[in-house]
Amino acid sequence: MEWTGLYEYTTAATARLRIIIPITLVIIFLLLVFAFHSVSEAFLVAMSVPFAMAGGVFLQWALGYAMTTAVLIGYISVFAVAVQTGIIMVIFIREALDHRPADQSFLDAVVHGSTMRLRPKLMTVATIVLSLSLIPLSSGPGMEIMKPIAAPSIGGMVTSTLHVLFMTPCLFVITDDVRRYFARRRGGVQAEAGAL
């Protein structure tokens, strides 16, 4: 004997999503590497995914939703928005670095680029969060599916916003410092080898 009907469809969909979600994340990372021509910047943008997941998991737990297919779809949508906003933040920072005056430091250029991204990011997040915030309070036909989809999106957008606005510029500067450190170290080793 075996279960059939909606249970069978739900089990099959969940099994498929367990394969599709990791493959999708790998494809996103590879596309980021090709877009930025840098593994470090691709990793920097991809870091917004765990932060989005943390907020989504917290709100899902707080509202008491089980891990269903609808919840997984909500995670996929918030991952896409989190990566998109991370990409835009890195693009704004890069643009500020490319056009910085001679007297402006690297850190000031990063801060300038990230503050240029502040208003569009907050508008994006406010639109998503405010438009979905009424769904958990609603009742009626179809809401039992919409509520689990909205929960990860609302929670994930809040935490991914904090990450993109504050952590991404900091990690961008730290990554550049690490890159310069290894370049100096490599140059010192080559100078010693040339002296010998």
Protein backbone atom coordinates (compact mmCIF):
# COMPACT_ATOMS: atom_id res chain seq x y z
CA MET A 1 0.00 0.00 0.00
CA GLU A 2 1.15 3.56 -0.69
CA TRP A 3 -0.25 7.07 -0.40
CA THR A 4 -1.49 8.77 -3.53
CA GLY A 5 -3.24 11.97 -4.55
CA LEU A 6 -2.05 15.32 -3.20
CA TYR A 7 0.42 13.66 -0.82
CA GLU A 8 2.12 11.92 -3.73
CA TYR A 9 2.29 15.15 -5.76
CA THR A 10 3.68 17.08 -2.78
CA THR A 11 6.37 14.46 -2.12
CA ALA A 12 7.41 14.42 -5.79
CA ALA A 13 7.54 18.24 -5.96
CA THR A 14 9.62 18.46 -2.76
CA ALA A 15 12.06 15.82 -4.06
CA ARG A 16 12.45 17.75 -7.32
CA LEU A 17 12.97 21.07 -5.53
CA ARG A 18 15.71 19.54 -3.35
CA ILE A 19 17.65 18.92 -6.55
CA ILE A 20 16.64 22.08 -8.43
CA ILE A 21 17.45 24.62 -5.67
CA PRO A 22 21.14 23.65 -5.23
CA ILE A 23 21.61 23.44 -9.01
CA THR A 24 20.02 26.89 -9.37
CA LEU A 25 22.34 28.37 -6.73
CA VAL A 26 25.41 26.89 -8.48
CA ILE A 27 24.24 28.29 -11.83
CA ILE A 28 23.67 31.72 -10.22
CA PHE A 29 27.22 31.66 -8.80
CA LEU A 30 28.73 30.68 -12.16
CA LEU A 31 26.80 33.46 -13.92
CA LEU A 32 28.08 35.92 -11.32
CA VAL A 33 31.66 34.79 -11.96
CA PHE A 34 31.20 35.27 -15.70
CA ALA A 35 29.52 38.67 -15.19
CA PHE A 36 32.12 40.13 -12.81
CA HIS A 37 35.19 38.18 -14.04
CA SER A 38 36.02 37.77 -10.35
CA VAL A 39 35.38 34.88 -7.99
CA SER A 40 35.70 37.15 -4.94
CA GLU A 41 33.04 39.59 -6.15
CA ALA A 42 30.76 36.73 -7.18
CA PHE A 43 31.16 35.24 -3.71
CA LEU A 44 30.49 38.67 -2.20
CA VAL A 45 27.17 38.93 -4.06
CA ALA A 46 26.26 35.30 -3.33
CA MET A 47 26.69 35.97 0.41
CA SER A 48 23.32 37.76 0.34
CA VAL A 49 21.61 34.36 -0.15
CA PRO A 50 22.42 32.96 3.35
CA PHE A 51 21.43 36.27 4.93
CA ALA A 52 18.12 36.23 3.06
CA MET A 53 17.59 32.63 4.14
CA ALA A 54 18.25 33.50 7.79
CA GLY A 55 15.48 36.10 7.84
CA GLY A 56 13.13 33.82 5.93
CA VAL A 57 13.73 30.90 8.29
CA PHE A 58 13.22 33.09 11.35
CA LEU A 59 9.88 34.48 10.13
CA GLN A 60 8.78 31.05 8.94
CA TRP A 61 9.54 29.63 12.39
CA ALA A 62 7.86 32.57 14.15
CA LEU A 63 4.67 32.11 12.11
CA GLY A 64 4.75 28.31 12.51
CA TYR A 65 4.82 27.28 8.85
CA ALA A 66 6.17 23.85 7.90
CA MET A 67 8.66 23.43 5.06
CA THR A 68 6.23 22.95 2.18
CA THR A 69 6.50 23.44 -1.56
CA ALA A 70 4.94 26.90 -1.21
CA VAL A 71 7.60 27.92 1.34
CA LEU A 72 10.38 26.66 -0.93
CA ILE A 73 8.99 28.76 -3.79
CA GLY A 74 9.04 31.78 -1.46
CA TYR A 75 12.72 31.10 -0.75
CA ILE A 76 13.55 30.88 -4.45
CA SER A 77 11.92 34.26 -5.10
CA VAL A 78 13.68 35.99 -2.19
CA PHE A 79 17.04 34.50 -3.25
CA ALA A 80 16.60 36.01 -6.71
CA VAL A 81 15.82 39.48 -5.34
CA ALA A 82 18.68 39.28 -2.80
CA VAL A 83 21.22 38.40 -5.51
CA GLN A 84 19.86 41.13 -7.79
CA THR A 85 20.23 43.82 -5.13
CA GLY A 86 23.72 42.55 -4.29
CA ILE A 87 24.69 42.81 -7.97
CA ILE A 88 23.41 46.38 -8.18
CA MET A 89 25.32 47.34 -5.02
CA VAL A 90 28.60 45.97 -6.40
CA ILE A 91 27.98 47.71 -9.75
CA PHE A 92 27.41 51.06 -7.99
CA ILE A 93 30.58 50.61 -5.91
CA ARG A 94 32.60 49.68 -9.00
CA GLU A 95 31.25 52.70 -10.86
CA ALA A 96 32.19 55.00 -7.97
CA LEU A 97 35.70 53.50 -7.94
CA ASP A 98 36.10 53.92 -11.70
CA HIS A 99 35.10 57.60 -11.57
CA ARG A 100 36.69 58.66 -8.29
CA PRO A 101 38.76 61.84 -8.25
CA ALA A 102 42.49 61.62 -7.64
CA ASP A 103 42.17 63.03 -4.10
CA GLN A 104 39.45 60.56 -3.03
CA SER A 105 40.51 57.48 -1.10
CA PHE A 106 39.39 53.93 -1.91
CA LEU A 107 37.27 53.78 1.25
CA ASP A 108 35.54 57.10 0.51
CA ALA A 109 34.73 55.93 -3.02
CA VAL A 110 33.18 52.71 -1.69
CA VAL A 111 31.09 54.69 0.81
CA HIS A 112 30.01 57.09 -1.95
CA GLY A 113 29.01 54.21 -4.25
CA SER A 114 27.06 52.41 -1.54
CA THR A 115 25.17 55.56 -0.49
CA MET A 116 24.18 56.11 -4.13
CA ARG A 117 22.50 52.69 -3.92
CA LEU A 118 20.66 53.46 -0.66
CA ARG A 119 17.47 54.99 -2.06
CA PRO A 120 16.81 52.42 -4.85
CA LYS A 121 17.47 49.55 -2.43
CA LEU A 122 15.14 50.91 0.25
CA MET A 123 12.44 51.55 -2.36
CA THR A 124 12.73 47.97 -3.64
CA VAL A 125 12.56 46.49 -0.15
CA ALA A 126 9.71 48.76 0.97
CA THR A 127 7.69 47.82 -2.11
CA ILE A 128 8.15 44.08 -1.56
CA VAL A 129 7.66 44.09 2.21
CA LEU A 130 4.67 46.45 2.25
CA SER A 131 2.93 44.67 -0.63
CA LEU A 132 3.35 41.26 1.05
CA SER A 133 2.77 42.37 4.65
CA LEU A 134 -1.01 42.23 4.29
CA ILE A 135 -0.99 38.59 3.15
CA PRO A 136 -0.26 37.07 6.62
CA LEU A 137 -3.18 39.12 8.02
CA SER A 138 -5.61 38.11 5.28
CA SER A 139 -8.05 35.23 5.18
CA GLY A 140 -10.03 33.70 2.37
CA PRO A 141 -9.66 31.31 -0.54
CA GLY A 142 -6.05 30.71 -1.58
CA MET A 143 -4.51 32.37 1.47
CA GLU A 144 -3.33 29.03 2.89
CA ILE A 145 -0.92 28.88 -0.08
CA MET A 146 -0.05 32.58 -0.26
CA LYS A 147 0.87 32.95 3.42
CA PRO A 148 3.73 30.39 3.35
CA ILE A 149 5.07 31.96 0.14
CA ALA A 150 5.04 35.47 1.63
CA ALA A 151 6.74 34.58 4.94
CA PRO A 152 10.24 33.82 3.58
CA SER A 153 10.02 36.77 1.19
CA ILE A 154 9.25 39.30 3.95
CA GLY A 155 11.81 37.98 6.45
CA GLY A 156 14.46 37.42 3.81
CA MET A 157 14.13 40.89 2.35
CA VAL A 158 14.69 42.53 5.74
CA THR A 159 17.89 40.60 6.56
CA SER A 160 19.24 40.71 3.01
CA THR A 161 18.75 44.49 3.02
CA LEU A 162 20.83 44.82 6.17
CA HIS A 163 23.50 42.64 4.58
CA VAL A 164 23.59 44.47 1.24
CA LEU A 165 23.55 47.97 2.72
CA PHE A 166 26.06 47.44 5.52
CA MET A 167 28.02 44.21 5.05
CA THR A 168 28.59 44.28 1.28
CA PRO A 169 30.56 47.58 1.26
CA CYS A 170 32.59 46.42 4.29
CA LEU A 171 33.34 43.06 2.70
CA PHE A 172 34.22 44.82 -0.56
CA VAL A 173 36.89 46.88 1.25
CA ILE A 174 38.15 43.84 3.21
CA THR A 175 38.42 41.79 0.00
CA ASP A 176 40.45 44.55 -1.63
CA ASP A 177 42.72 44.76 1.43
CA VAL A 178 43.32 41.00 1.33
CA ARG A 179 44.00 41.16 -2.42
CA ARG A 180 46.55 43.97 -1.93
CA TYR A 181 48.19 42.14 0.95
CA PHE A 182 48.79 39.01 -1.15
CA ALA A 183 49.96 41.13 -4.10
CA ARG A 184 52.52 42.88 -1.87
CA ARG A 185 53.60 39.57 -0.39
CA ARG A 186 53.94 38.00 -3.84
CA GLY A 187 55.96 41.03 -5.00
CA GLY A 188 58.24 40.74 -1.96
CA VAL A 189 58.86 37.04 -2.61
CA GLN A 190 59.65 37.73 -6.28
CA ALA A 191 62.04 40.53 -5.28
CA GLU A 192 63.86 38.18 -2.90
CA ALA A 193 64.06 35.49 -5.58
CA GLY A 194 65.47 38.07 -8.05
CA ALA A 195 68.09 39.17 -5.51
CA LEU A 196 69.23 35.60 -5.04
